[in-house]
Amino acid sequence: MLEKRLAAVWHRLQRIADAGDPSPALEPRALAEAQQLTELLRTNTVEFSDVTAWYALGWLHFHRYTALPDGRGGADLDAAVEAFVRPFLAGVSSLPRTVLPLLADAVEPQAFGLLRQALTAMDPDSLSAAVGLWQQLVHATPAGHHQRARRLHALGMASRTRFDRTGDLSNLDQAVDCFQEAVRGTPTEHPERAARLSNLGATLGVRYERTGDLSDLDQAISTGREAVRATPADNPDRAVSLSILGVALRDRFERTGDASDLDEAVAVGWEAVRDIPAGHPHQSVCLSSLGATLGIRFERTGDVSDLDEAITLGREAVRSTPAGHPDRDMYLSNLGATLRARFDRSGDPSDLDQAIDHLREAVRVAPAGHPNRAGYLSNLGVALHDRFRRTGNLPDLDQAITTGRDAVRASPAGHPQRRIYLANLEGALRDRFGRTEDVSDLDEAVAIGREVVRSTPTHHPDRAGSLVRLGQALLSRYERTGDPSDLDQAIDRLQNGLHATPAGHSDRARFLHNLGTPLLTRYQRTGDPSDLDQAIDRLQDAVRTAPAGHPDRAVSLSALGAGLRTRFERTGDLSDLDQAIDRHRDALLATPADHAHRAVPLNNWGTRCGPGSSGRATCRTWIRPSTASRKR
């Protein structure tokens, strides 16, 4: 039956096409054919998805609409739109252009429903369907149409979400293009303008993170400022715009080192946290973003209150985010990173163990291809490396290297964070060489270190760290090969790294120690007393700079004791010897009983005050040359 009635309609459509005249659509029999086909399509015995039949029915009604005098074809136009919906959804392109905006209007509610489903579910097929449908709606909506900006914004949302889940940069570019055109097409006083500006700013910030294009970041900040200005003070979404602006400012600080950007990022982040209502769907991201920013400011200033506040905010963000939430992995990783930073400062192993647990979970819940997965892997590798350095447990270091390699493989060439992942891997390789003496690890570490320095801009805040790490790798190779050029290059890189580190920086004590120990080594090779004096000065600065309880303070104390004893042996100055004994005793007292390197200060102390010794005079008679010191 369907074939017979459809054939009659097709025959009439062919007559219209052959004649180039729609009048056959007005013949009495034409309306009857249309009604019969419509009734049959709407019965339960025929599939509603018969696109060909609906397509033919739509054209018949459209020809009737064009053939009728003005004002009389409204019913046929409505019938044509209803019939064309199914072919439109199926992607059929040969539809009347004048009907396309009406089809977009008709399909829009369904498209919004599909978008909501795609944003809350992790089904890639529904997300692809949402992107495809919104692309059709945008294509069907002409420039200047009052709904075009809204549809562009919806397509931007769908495309941005697909990028978030797949890492495909073309989706991110499409999202930026859609958001930009949507903002241009939105009047200044439109109630949705602020939200569209905010989403544009956030997406430009994400593209900067992926490509490193500073113009994207600058535009993200200017757009974010405009979004905040466009949002009424009593609108709860203003907090979201503030948080997005704070993230962009923080990213620019990390790129340029401009402290004013970091301070503003903290200020707007606090404003967002204070203003966002409890239970707001974006409360967790505001908390986590501010926590991450405070953690970065701690790294610059060493203010422990920033670090403690960052952990409090991070815990609250994780607690308020249910399992399965698409952003939970980010909150877990941010919390893990700040806990690890506090371990670096305090040496509390419980902070490090918690950090590793949170970072493992972040990696576990982030799917393969997730654009942030490389960062999560790298953060986990760093935490495992830290635990190896505390406990000496080699499986932690092996896993840190495996995880670090995974992070580098997951980051495309040119990714702005790739140099950081490489730097983290380099440090782990160098430490494994120190444990296993596998020269392939050392050669790879030196090569990676040079690549990281080359890829880090001169005034970038990370340049100091990259120079120090390369210096350490060169120093390790010198210790393996005895090549004095490696030692000279190592000291040069370490000095440059220290000069690039501002006073008060949380890593300054470590960098001072790392420079002091190779200066001692070069003195032992060349006998140049200026190297010995510089080494002692640097190590004294390291001890003064490291706060009490810092996990590396004992190492610097032990190395300083060795340097002072060496100078006593050269000059006979008893004050150097007295200080050397005091520093070794301090090192022993500052080293936890279960620390993997406790034997170093204990051996140095025992060498000076062994069994049967009594008093300082006896200790002096037991002094023998020793170069024991721990390199970092």
Foldseek 3Di string as FASTA:
>chain_A
DLVVLLVVLVVLVVVCVVVVALVSLVPPVNVVSLVVNVVVCPDPVHDVLPLSSLQSSLVSLVSVLVNDPPPPSPVSLVSSLVSCLNVLLVVNDPDDLVCLQVNLVVCVVVLVVLLVVVQQDVDVVSLVSSLVSLVSSLVSADPPRPCNLVSLQSNLSSLVVVCQQFVPVVSLVSSLVSLVVSLVSDDLLDPCNLVSLLSNLLSLLVVCLQFVDVVSLVSSLVSLVSSLVSDDPLDLCSLVSLQSNLLSLLVVCLQFVPVVSLVSSLVSLVVSQVRHDPPPPCNLVSLQSNLLSLLVVCLQFVPVVSLVSSLVSLVVSLVVDDPPDPCNLVSLQSNLLSLLVVCQQQVDVVSLVSSLVSLVVSLVPRDPNRLCNLVSLLSNLLSLLVVCQFQVPVVSLVSSLVSLVVSLVSRDPNRPCNLVSLLSNLVSLQVVCVVVVPVVSLVSSLVSLVVSLVSRDPLRLCNLVSLQSNLLSLVSVCVVVVDVVSLVSSLVSLVVSLVSRDPNRPCNLQSLQQNLLSLVVVCVVPVDVVSLVSSLVSLVVSLVRRDQNRQCNLLSLQQNLLSLVVVCVVPVPVVSNVSSLVSLVVSLVSHDPSGPPSVSSVVQNCQQANPPRDDNVSSVVSDDRDSDGDHD
